[in-house]
Amino acid sequence: MVLSAALAVFLLAPTSGYAQSITVDDESLEEPSDLEELEDFPEQPDAFDDLRPLAQDGTILSLAGGQRLMQQAQTAVASQDYTTAQSRLQDARQVFNQLSNFYQQLASSFSGVDTRITDDLRAQALETAQMRDQATYQLALVHRAQDQPELAVPLLVQIIRSQQPTRQLGQQAYQQLFELGFVNSPYPREQSGGSTTISPNTP
């Protein structure tokens, strides 16, 4: 199946750097609240090291944890186990969204207090938002492979809102909508002479 091959190629492709225009907050995913009930926080060690709990490979609430879920989805797609792939991508999407929201909230708290920490947290928020959008796109492709376009369309629209149509992932999402017949006009459009429109914001 052509779609299955395209999905496998996308899953194997390395992710590009995050875009500055990515929308961090995703209203379609619930904001995490389970950590708000913690009251007694342990004292921070004098020096950070690899013994920090969230720096461990087995942790779910981390960039590595989300990437591990996406790798499991890749393995499932390779064996055409789309049910497992869908579950793993949904989990990865939720993890990356939680991380992005947490980093954004922390960045807002440090705004005006410590510029270096604020910039670092904003960069982490953007990076995890990019990974969330990557997981969302892959999930949309899995829905297409399962002949469930009605589930793919909302995800693709969310990606375009987050990435903007001028970014590569946003254009890929729009192309999927065009192939599904949800939109009628291709983008980028071909200009006279066979060339295509090129946005100055395109990487």
Protein backbone atom coordinates (compact mmCIF):
# COMPACT_ATOMS: atom_id res chain seq x y z
CA MET A 1 0.00 0.00 0.00
CA VAL A 2 1.43 3.41 -1.01
CA LEU A 3 0.18 5.12 2.16
CA SER A 4 1.78 2.49 4.39
CA ALA A 5 5.10 2.95 2.63
CA ALA A 6 4.86 6.73 2.98
CA LEU A 7 4.06 6.39 6.67
CA ALA A 8 7.06 4.14 7.23
CA VAL A 9 9.35 6.58 5.42
CA PHE A 10 8.10 9.49 7.52
CA LEU A 11 8.59 7.60 10.76
CA LEU A 12 12.16 6.76 9.79
CA ALA A 13 13.03 10.33 8.81
CA PRO A 14 14.86 12.45 11.38
CA THR A 15 12.90 15.32 12.89
CA SER A 16 13.90 18.83 11.93
CA GLY A 17 14.67 21.68 14.30
CA TYR A 18 11.73 23.38 15.98
CA ALA A 19 10.22 26.47 14.42
CA GLN A 20 9.94 29.75 16.29
CA SER A 21 6.29 30.21 15.27
CA ILE A 22 5.03 26.96 16.77
CA THR A 23 2.01 27.36 19.00
CA VAL A 24 2.92 25.82 22.34
CA ASP A 25 -0.51 25.41 23.89
CA ASP A 26 -2.89 22.84 22.36
CA GLU A 27 -6.44 23.35 23.59
CA SER A 28 -7.47 19.90 22.38
CA LEU A 29 -5.33 18.27 25.07
CA GLU A 30 -6.10 18.65 28.73
CA GLU A 31 -3.65 20.56 30.88
CA PRO A 32 -1.90 18.26 33.37
CA SER A 33 -2.95 18.71 36.98
CA ASP A 34 -1.72 15.59 38.73
CA LEU A 35 1.50 17.25 39.87
CA GLU A 36 -0.30 20.18 41.46
CA GLU A 37 -1.23 18.09 44.48
CA LEU A 38 2.40 17.55 45.52
CA GLU A 39 3.19 19.62 48.60
CA ASP A 40 6.57 18.61 50.01
CA PHE A 41 9.33 18.93 47.46
CA PRO A 42 12.77 17.48 48.26
CA GLU A 43 15.65 19.90 48.54
CA GLN A 44 17.60 20.38 45.33
CA PRO A 45 21.08 18.82 45.30
CA ASP A 46 24.07 21.15 45.14
CA ALA A 47 25.01 19.79 41.70
CA PHE A 48 22.79 18.11 39.13
CA ASP A 49 23.90 14.70 37.94
CA ASP A 50 22.53 11.66 36.12
CA LEU A 51 20.91 10.40 39.34
CA ARG A 52 18.07 12.90 38.99
CA PRO A 53 14.86 10.83 38.57
CA LEU A 54 13.58 12.58 35.43
CA ALA A 55 16.99 12.22 33.76
CA GLN A 56 16.69 8.44 33.75
CA ASP A 57 15.92 6.57 30.53
CA GLY A 58 12.91 4.77 31.99
CA THR A 59 11.02 7.95 32.81
CA ILE A 60 7.87 8.64 30.78
CA LEU A 61 7.57 12.37 31.53
CA SER A 62 10.65 13.32 29.53
CA LEU A 63 11.75 13.97 25.98
CA ALA A 64 13.42 10.56 25.91
CA GLY A 65 10.26 8.92 27.22
CA GLY A 66 8.15 10.45 24.44
CA GLN A 67 10.72 9.53 21.81
CA ARG A 68 10.74 5.96 23.08
CA LEU A 69 6.96 5.79 22.57
CA MET A 70 7.40 7.07 19.01
CA GLN A 71 10.04 4.43 18.32
CA GLN A 72 7.62 1.77 19.54
CA ALA A 73 5.01 3.21 17.18
CA GLN A 74 7.53 3.01 14.34
CA THR A 75 8.10 -0.68 15.06
CA ALA A 76 4.34 -1.28 15.14
CA VAL A 77 3.84 0.50 11.81
CA ALA A 78 6.60 -1.59 10.22
CA SER A 79 4.61 -4.71 11.14
CA GLN A 80 1.31 -3.01 10.14
CA ASP A 81 0.07 -3.20 13.75
CA TYR A 82 -1.78 0.09 13.49
CA THR A 83 -3.75 -0.40 16.71
CA THR A 84 -0.55 -0.46 18.77
CA ALA A 85 0.94 2.37 16.73
CA GLN A 86 -2.13 4.51 17.38
CA SER A 87 -1.95 3.88 21.13
CA ARG A 88 1.77 4.69 21.34
CA LEU A 89 1.42 7.88 19.28
CA GLN A 90 -1.51 9.08 21.39
CA ASP A 91 0.59 8.55 24.52
CA ALA A 92 3.60 10.30 22.97
CA ARG A 93 1.45 13.23 21.91
CA GLN A 94 0.11 13.60 25.45
CA VAL A 95 3.60 13.39 26.99
CA PHE A 96 5.04 16.03 24.67
CA ASN A 97 2.05 18.31 25.22
CA GLN A 98 2.39 18.04 29.00
CA LEU A 99 6.10 18.79 28.81
CA SER A 100 5.53 21.78 26.54
CA ASN A 101 2.87 23.21 28.85
CA PHE A 102 5.04 22.71 31.94
CA TYR A 103 8.05 24.40 30.33
CA GLN A 104 5.90 27.28 29.11
CA GLN A 105 4.41 27.77 32.58
CA LEU A 106 7.88 27.76 34.15
CA ALA A 107 9.18 30.20 31.53
CA SER A 108 6.35 32.59 32.40
CA SER A 109 7.21 32.29 36.09
CA PHE A 110 10.87 33.16 35.48
CA SER A 111 10.12 36.00 33.05
CA GLY A 112 11.74 39.14 34.45
CA VAL A 113 13.58 37.11 37.09
CA ASP A 114 16.29 35.24 35.19
CA THR A 115 16.59 35.77 31.44
CA ARG A 116 18.88 32.80 30.85
CA ILE A 117 16.53 30.35 32.57
CA THR A 118 13.52 31.87 30.80
CA ASP A 119 15.14 31.49 27.38
CA ASP A 120 16.19 27.92 28.14
CA LEU A 121 12.68 26.97 29.26
CA ARG A 122 11.10 28.58 26.20
CA ALA A 123 13.47 26.63 23.96
CA GLN A 124 12.43 23.40 25.72
CA ALA A 125 8.77 24.34 25.35
CA LEU A 126 9.23 24.86 21.61
CA GLU A 127 11.21 21.66 21.17
CA THR A 128 8.58 19.53 22.89
CA ALA A 129 5.80 21.33 21.01
CA GLN A 130 7.55 20.39 17.76
CA MET A 131 7.72 16.76 18.88
CA ARG A 132 4.04 16.89 19.80
CA ASP A 133 3.20 18.08 16.29
CA GLN A 134 5.38 15.34 14.79
CA ALA A 135 3.53 12.71 16.85
CA THR A 136 0.21 14.27 15.84
CA TYR A 137 1.11 14.08 12.14
CA GLN A 138 2.18 10.46 12.42
CA LEU A 139 -1.06 9.66 14.25
CA ALA A 140 -3.02 11.28 11.41
CA LEU A 141 -1.17 9.07 8.91
CA VAL A 142 -2.02 5.99 10.96
CA HIS A 143 -5.70 6.99 10.87
CA ARG A 144 -5.42 7.33 7.08
CA ALA A 145 -3.87 3.88 6.87
CA GLN A 146 -6.84 2.56 8.86
CA ASP A 147 -9.26 4.28 6.44
CA GLN A 148 -10.41 6.71 9.17
CA PRO A 149 -10.16 10.14 7.49
CA GLU A 150 -12.70 11.62 9.90
CA LEU A 151 -10.16 11.10 12.70
CA ALA A 152 -7.21 12.37 10.67
CA VAL A 153 -8.74 15.70 9.61
CA PRO A 154 -8.96 17.34 13.09
CA LEU A 155 -5.35 16.37 13.82
CA LEU A 156 -4.11 17.81 10.53
CA VAL A 157 -5.94 21.08 11.15
CA GLN A 158 -4.34 21.33 14.61
CA ILE A 159 -0.89 20.87 13.07
CA ILE A 160 -1.46 23.69 10.57
CA ARG A 161 -2.66 25.99 13.36
CA SER A 162 0.45 25.20 15.40
CA GLN A 163 3.09 25.11 12.65
CA GLN A 164 1.53 27.64 10.22
CA PRO A 165 1.15 26.78 6.49
CA THR A 166 4.59 28.20 5.65
CA ARG A 167 6.48 25.54 7.63
CA GLN A 168 7.34 22.15 6.17
CA LEU A 169 5.23 20.13 8.60
CA GLY A 170 2.32 22.52 8.14
CA GLN A 171 2.55 22.09 4.37
CA GLN A 172 2.68 18.30 4.72
CA ALA A 173 -0.46 18.41 6.88
CA TYR A 174 -2.24 20.57 4.30
CA GLN A 175 -1.19 18.18 1.53
CA GLN A 176 -2.85 15.36 3.47
CA LEU A 177 -6.06 17.40 3.70
CA PHE A 178 -5.89 17.99 -0.07
CA GLU A 179 -5.38 14.29 -0.78
CA LEU A 180 -8.32 13.45 1.47
CA GLY A 181 -10.54 15.89 -0.45
CA PHE A 182 -11.17 18.08 2.59
CA VAL A 183 -9.73 21.16 0.83
CA ASN A 184 -9.83 21.96 -2.86
CA SER A 185 -6.83 24.22 -3.47
CA PRO A 186 -3.28 22.81 -3.39
CA TYR A 187 -0.55 24.60 -1.47
CA PRO A 188 2.07 25.75 -2.34
CA ARG A 189 0.42 26.78 -5.61
CA GLU A 190 2.24 26.50 -8.92
CA GLN A 191 2.98 29.82 -10.55
CA SER A 192 3.17 30.48 -14.27
CA GLY A 193 6.16 28.71 -15.75
CA GLY A 194 5.80 25.67 -13.50
CA SER A 195 7.49 27.14 -10.41
CA THR A 196 5.89 26.95 -6.99
CA THR A 197 5.27 29.70 -4.44
CA ILE A 198 8.12 29.98 -1.98
CA SER A 199 7.62 31.53 1.43
CA PRO A 200 10.45 33.45 3.07
CA ASN A 201 9.68 31.54 6.29
CA THR A 202 10.15 28.12 4.73
CA PRO A 203 13.27 26.40 6.16
